[in-house]
């Protein structure tokens, strides 16, 4: 008798199609933008601080 070989696990076609869809990054960006809209003042200071640190580190 021969033992049956286990089948490799595969990503479902629905999930695979969604992950490889070209509109997925646009959708994720839109959701991120909506989430960031509520904390814009915090993000503004974070960006200013990051740019200042980048400039002062001599990377420019």
PDB file of N, CA and C in Angstrom:
ATOM      1  N   UNK A   1       0.838  -1.186   0.000  1.00  0.00           N
ATOM      2  CA  UNK A   1       0.000   0.000   0.000  1.00  0.00           C
ATOM      3  C   UNK A   1       0.876   1.239   0.000  1.00  0.00           C
ATOM      4  N   UNK A   2       0.391   2.241  -0.631  1.00  0.00           N
ATOM      5  CA  UNK A   2       1.120   3.511  -0.665  1.00  0.00           C
ATOM      6  C   UNK A   2       0.340   4.551   0.116  1.00  0.00           C
ATOM      7  N   UNK A   3       1.090   5.366   0.800  1.00  0.00           N
ATOM      8  CA  UNK A   3       0.459   6.434   1.582  1.00  0.00           C
ATOM      9  C   UNK A   3       0.144   7.608   0.668  1.00  0.00           C
ATOM     10  N   UNK A   4      -0.954   8.240   0.920  1.00  0.00           N
ATOM     11  CA  UNK A   4      -1.338   9.414   0.130  1.00  0.00           C
ATOM     12  C   UNK A   4      -0.440  10.588   0.518  1.00  0.00           C
ATOM     13  N   UNK A   5       0.018  11.310  -0.478  1.00  0.00           N
ATOM     14  CA  UNK A   5       0.861  12.475  -0.208  1.00  0.00           C
ATOM     15  C   UNK A   5       0.001  13.669   0.210  1.00  0.00           C
ATOM     16  N   UNK A   6       0.468  14.417   1.191  1.00  0.00           N
ATOM     17  CA  UNK A   6      -0.305  15.621   1.564  1.00  0.00           C
ATOM     18  C   UNK A   6      -0.239  16.653   0.453  1.00  0.00           C
ATOM     19  N   UNK A   7      -1.332  17.311   0.224  1.00  0.00           N
ATOM     20  CA  UNK A   7      -1.378  18.351  -0.797  1.00  0.00           C
ATOM     21  C   UNK A   7      -0.842  19.649  -0.213  1.00  0.00           C
ATOM     22  N   UNK A   8      -0.066  20.402  -0.998  1.00  0.00           N
ATOM     23  CA  UNK A   8       0.458  21.676  -0.486  1.00  0.00           C
ATOM     24  C   UNK A   8      -0.673  22.680  -0.268  1.00  0.00           C
ATOM     25  N   UNK A   9      -0.540  23.468   0.783  1.00  0.00           N
ATOM     26  CA  UNK A   9      -1.544  24.490   1.066  1.00  0.00           C
ATOM     27  C   UNK A   9      -1.428  25.600   0.021  1.00  0.00           C
ATOM     28  N   UNK A  10      -2.554  26.017  -0.488  1.00  0.00           N
ATOM     29  CA  UNK A  10      -2.569  27.079  -1.498  1.00  0.00           C
ATOM     30  C   UNK A  10      -3.494  28.190  -1.058  1.00  0.00           C
ATOM     31  N   UNK A  11      -3.159  29.365  -1.481  1.00  0.00           N
ATOM     32  CA  UNK A  11      -4.001  30.516  -1.214  1.00  0.00           C
ATOM     33  C   UNK A  11      -5.260  30.400  -2.064  1.00  0.00           C
ATOM     34  N   UNK A  12      -6.392  30.698  -1.498  1.00  0.00           N
ATOM     35  CA  UNK A  12      -7.634  30.619  -2.256  1.00  0.00           C
ATOM     36  C   UNK A  12      -7.627  31.572  -3.435  1.00  0.00           C
ATOM     37  N   UNK A  13      -8.371  31.225  -4.459  1.00  0.00           N
ATOM     38  CA  UNK A  13      -8.389  32.071  -5.660  1.00  0.00           C
ATOM     39  C   UNK A  13      -8.941  33.461  -5.367  1.00  0.00           C
ATOM     40  N   UNK A  14      -9.917  33.543  -4.490  1.00  0.00           N
ATOM     41  CA  UNK A  14     -10.490  34.849  -4.167  1.00  0.00           C
ATOM     42  C   UNK A  14      -9.490  35.759  -3.472  1.00  0.00           C
ATOM     43  N   UNK A  15      -8.773  35.213  -2.503  1.00  0.00           N
ATOM     44  CA  UNK A  15      -7.774  35.987  -1.763  1.00  0.00           C
ATOM     45  C   UNK A  15      -6.615  36.346  -2.689  1.00  0.00           C
ATOM     46  N   UNK A  16      -6.192  35.389  -3.468  1.00  0.00           N
ATOM     47  CA  UNK A  16      -5.070  35.614  -4.387  1.00  0.00           C
ATOM     48  C   UNK A  16      -5.405  36.699  -5.401  1.00  0.00           C
ATOM     49  N   UNK A  17      -6.614  36.675  -5.915  1.00  0.00           N
ATOM     50  CA  UNK A  17      -7.037  37.690  -6.875  1.00  0.00           C
ATOM     51  C   UNK A  17      -7.091  39.075  -6.246  1.00  0.00           C
ATOM     52  N   UNK A  18      -7.553  39.138  -4.990  1.00  0.00           N
ATOM     53  CA  UNK A  18      -7.656  40.428  -4.319  1.00  0.00           C
ATOM     54  C   UNK A  18      -6.274  40.999  -4.014  1.00  0.00           C
ATOM     55  N   UNK A  19      -5.359  40.139  -3.595  1.00  0.00           N
ATOM     56  CA  UNK A  19      -4.017  40.600  -3.227  1.00  0.00           C
ATOM     57  C   UNK A  19      -3.260  41.104  -4.450  1.00  0.00           C
ATOM     58  N   UNK A  20      -3.463  40.468  -5.594  1.00  0.00           N
ATOM     59  CA  UNK A  20      -2.724  40.852  -6.798  1.00  0.00           C
ATOM     60  C   UNK A  20      -3.457  41.864  -7.653  1.00  0.00           C
ATOM     61  N   UNK A  21      -4.621  42.310  -7.225  1.00  0.00           N
ATOM     62  CA  UNK A  21      -5.390  43.293  -7.989  1.00  0.00           C
ATOM     63  C   UNK A  21      -4.671  44.644  -7.974  1.00  0.00           C
ATOM     64  N   UNK A  22      -4.572  45.323  -9.125  1.00  0.00           N
ATOM     65  CA  UNK A  22      -3.880  46.613  -9.167  1.00  0.00           C
ATOM     66  C   UNK A  22      -4.570  47.715  -8.357  1.00  0.00           C
ATOM     67  N   UNK A  23      -5.843  47.551  -8.052  1.00  0.00           N
ATOM     68  CA  UNK A  23      -6.544  48.583  -7.280  1.00  0.00           C
ATOM     69  C   UNK A  23      -6.339  48.453  -5.770  1.00  0.00           C
ATOM     70  N   UNK A  24      -5.755  47.362  -5.326  1.00  0.00           N
ATOM     71  CA  UNK A  24      -5.543  47.151  -3.892  1.00  0.00           C
ATOM     72  C   UNK A  24      -4.692  48.255  -3.253  1.00  0.00           C
ATOM     73  N   UNK A  25      -3.551  48.655  -3.834  1.00  0.00           N
ATOM     74  CA  UNK A  25      -2.781  49.745  -3.210  1.00  0.00           C
ATOM     75  C   UNK A  25      -3.566  51.055  -3.140  1.00  0.00           C
ATOM     76  N   UNK A  26      -4.368  51.351  -4.157  1.00  0.00           N
ATOM     77  CA  UNK A  26      -5.162  52.580  -4.137  1.00  0.00           C
ATOM     78  C   UNK A  26      -6.198  52.531  -3.022  1.00  0.00           C
ATOM     79  N   UNK A  27      -6.814  51.372  -2.842  1.00  0.00           N
ATOM     80  CA  UNK A  27      -7.790  51.215  -1.770  1.00  0.00           C
ATOM     81  C   UNK A  27      -7.141  51.372  -0.401  1.00  0.00           C
ATOM     82  N   UNK A  28      -5.978  50.750  -0.213  1.00  0.00           N
ATOM     83  CA  UNK A  28      -5.269  50.868   1.065  1.00  0.00           C
ATOM     84  C   UNK A  28      -4.815  52.301   1.326  1.00  0.00           C
ATOM     85  N   UNK A  29      -4.381  53.008   0.285  1.00  0.00           N
ATOM     86  CA  UNK A  29      -3.976  54.401   0.430  1.00  0.00           C
ATOM     87  C   UNK A  29      -5.161  55.274   0.822  1.00  0.00           C
ATOM     88  N   UNK A  30      -6.315  55.027   0.220  1.00  0.00           N
ATOM     89  CA  UNK A  30      -7.509  55.805   0.552  1.00  0.00           C
ATOM     90  C   UNK A  30      -7.923  55.578   2.002  1.00  0.00           C
ATOM     91  N   UNK A  31      -7.880  54.334   2.443  1.00  0.00           N
ATOM     92  CA  UNK A  31      -8.229  54.037   3.836  1.00  0.00           C
ATOM     93  C   UNK A  31      -7.230  54.693   4.786  1.00  0.00           C
ATOM     94  N   UNK A  32      -5.950  54.653   4.437  1.00  0.00           N
ATOM     95  CA  UNK A  32      -4.930  55.302   5.265  1.00  0.00           C
ATOM     96  C   UNK A  32      -5.097  56.806   5.314  1.00  0.00           C
ATOM     97  N   UNK A  33      -5.473  57.407   4.178  1.00  0.00           N
ATOM     98  CA  UNK A  33      -5.686  58.854   4.144  1.00  0.00           C
ATOM     99  C   UNK A  33      -6.873  59.248   5.009  1.00  0.00           C
ATOM    100  N   UNK A  34      -7.920  58.457   4.972  1.00  0.00           N
ATOM    101  CA  UNK A  34      -9.075  58.754   5.825  1.00  0.00           C
ATOM    102  C   UNK A  34      -8.723  58.604   7.299  1.00  0.00           C
ATOM    103  N   UNK A  35      -7.922  57.617   7.612  1.00  0.00           N
ATOM    104  CA  UNK A  35      -7.501  57.443   8.995  1.00  0.00           C
ATOM    105  C   UNK A  35      -6.584  58.553   9.467  1.00  0.00           C
ATOM    106  N   UNK A  36      -5.742  59.055   8.562  1.00  0.00           N
ATOM    107  CA  UNK A  36      -4.807  60.124   8.926  1.00  0.00           C
ATOM    108  C   UNK A  36      -5.488  61.471   9.008  1.00  0.00           C
ATOM    109  N   UNK A  37      -6.622  61.620   8.357  1.00  0.00           N
ATOM    110  CA  UNK A  37      -7.305  62.923   8.353  1.00  0.00           C
ATOM    111  C   UNK A  37      -7.708  63.353   9.758  1.00  0.00           C
ATOM    112  N   UNK A  38      -8.033  62.408  10.601  1.00  0.00           N
ATOM    113  CA  UNK A  38      -8.435  62.734  11.965  1.00  0.00           C
ATOM    114  C   UNK A  38      -7.280  63.164  12.852  1.00  0.00           C
ATOM    115  N   UNK A  39      -6.085  62.791  12.514  1.00  0.00           N
ATOM    116  CA  UNK A  39      -4.930  63.156  13.338  1.00  0.00           C
ATOM    117  C   UNK A  39      -3.908  63.920  12.499  1.00  0.00           C
ATOM    118  N   UNK A  40      -4.369  64.859  11.731  1.00  0.00           N
ATOM    119  CA  UNK A  40      -3.512  65.629  10.839  1.00  0.00           C
ATOM    120  C   UNK A  40      -2.479  66.463  11.566  1.00  0.00           C
ATOM    121  N   UNK A  41      -2.867  67.058  12.698  1.00  0.00           N
ATOM    122  CA  UNK A  41      -1.923  67.906  13.423  1.00  0.00           C
ATOM    123  C   UNK A  41      -0.763  67.085  13.972  1.00  0.00           C
ATOM    124  N   UNK A  42      -1.036  65.877  14.411  1.00  0.00           N
ATOM    125  CA  UNK A  42       0.028  65.010  14.914  1.00  0.00           C
ATOM    126  C   UNK A  42       0.955  64.604  13.774  1.00  0.00           C
ATOM    127  N   UNK A  43       0.369  64.265  12.629  1.00  0.00           N
ATOM    128  CA  UNK A  43       1.178  63.859  11.484  1.00  0.00           C
ATOM    129  C   UNK A  43       2.014  65.016  10.958  1.00  0.00           C
ATOM    130  N   UNK A  44       1.477  66.233  11.020  1.00  0.00           N
ATOM    131  CA  UNK A  44       2.234  67.402  10.564  1.00  0.00           C
ATOM    132  C   UNK A  44       3.507  67.558  11.390  1.00  0.00           C
ATOM    133  N   UNK A  45       3.371  67.482  12.716  1.00  0.00           N
ATOM    134  CA  UNK A  45       4.543  67.625  13.570  1.00  0.00           C
ATOM    135  C   UNK A  45       5.506  66.453  13.396  1.00  0.00           C
ATOM    136  N   UNK A  46       4.971  65.274  13.131  1.00  0.00           N
ATOM    137  CA  UNK A  46       5.839  64.112  12.907  1.00  0.00           C
ATOM    138  C   UNK A  46       6.664  64.287  11.641  1.00  0.00           C
ATOM    139  N   UNK A  47       6.042  64.802  10.585  1.00  0.00           N
ATOM    140  CA  UNK A  47       6.758  65.015   9.324  1.00  0.00           C
ATOM    141  C   UNK A  47       7.807  66.106   9.487  1.00  0.00           C
ATOM    142  N   UNK A  48       7.432  67.194  10.166  1.00  0.00           N
ATOM    143  CA  UNK A  48       8.393  68.278  10.390  1.00  0.00           C
ATOM    144  C   UNK A  48       9.580  67.773  11.206  1.00  0.00           C
ATOM    145  N   UNK A  49       9.320  66.982  12.247  1.00  0.00           N
ATOM    146  CA  UNK A  49      10.390  66.427  13.061  1.00  0.00           C
ATOM    147  C   UNK A  49      11.280  65.475  12.275  1.00  0.00           C
ATOM    148  N   UNK A  50      10.669  64.671  11.425  1.00  0.00           N
ATOM    149  CA  UNK A  50      11.456  63.736  10.615  1.00  0.00           C
ATOM    150  C   UNK A  50      12.341  64.481   9.631  1.00  0.00           C
ATOM    151  N   UNK A  51      11.797  65.501   8.983  1.00  0.00           N
ATOM    152  CA  UNK A  51      12.592  66.285   8.019  1.00  0.00           C
ATOM    153  C   UNK A  51      13.717  67.031   8.726  1.00  0.00           C
ATOM    154  N   UNK A  52      13.448  67.540   9.923  1.00  0.00           N
ATOM    155  CA  UNK A  52      14.479  68.236  10.686  1.00  0.00           C
ATOM    156  C   UNK A  52      15.601  67.274  11.074  1.00  0.00           C
ATOM    157  N   UNK A  53      15.227  66.109  11.560  1.00  0.00           N
ATOM    158  CA  UNK A  53      16.245  65.122  11.915  1.00  0.00           C
ATOM    159  C   UNK A  53      17.053  64.676  10.726  1.00  0.00           C
ATOM    160  N   UNK A  54      16.401  64.508   9.582  1.00  0.00           N
ATOM    161  CA  UNK A  54      17.094  64.113   8.368  1.00  0.00           C
ATOM    162  C   UNK A  54      18.094  65.195   7.944  1.00  0.00           C
ATOM    163  N   UNK A  55      17.671  66.455   8.048  1.00  0.00           N
ATOM    164  CA  UNK A  55      18.538  67.566   7.670  1.00  0.00           C
ATOM    165  C   UNK A  55      19.719  67.690   8.613  1.00  0.00           C
ATOM    166  N   UNK A  56      19.455  67.594   9.924  1.00  0.00           N
ATOM    167  CA  UNK A  56      20.521  67.771  10.911  1.00  0.00           C
ATOM    168  C   UNK A  56      21.496  66.604  10.953  1.00  0.00           C
ATOM    169  N   UNK A  57      21.090  65.455  10.439  1.00  0.00           N
ATOM    170  CA  UNK A  57      21.989  64.304  10.479  1.00  0.00           C
ATOM    171  C   UNK A  57      23.062  64.362   9.403  1.00  0.00           C
ATOM    172  N   UNK A  58      22.953  65.323   8.514  1.00  0.00           N
ATOM    173  CA  UNK A  58      23.933  65.451   7.455  1.00  0.00           C
ATOM    174  C   UNK A  58      23.629  64.590   6.240  1.00  0.00           C
ATOM    175  N   UNK A  59      22.412  64.076   6.177  1.00  0.00           N
ATOM    176  CA  UNK A  59      22.044  63.221   5.056  1.00  0.00           C
ATOM    177  C   UNK A  59      21.688  63.997   3.805  1.00  0.00           C
ATOM    178  N   UNK A  60      21.547  65.299   3.932  1.00  0.00           N
ATOM    179  CA  UNK A  60      21.125  66.109   2.790  1.00  0.00           C
ATOM    180  C   UNK A  60      22.333  66.508   1.973  1.00  0.00           C
TER     181      UNK A  60
END
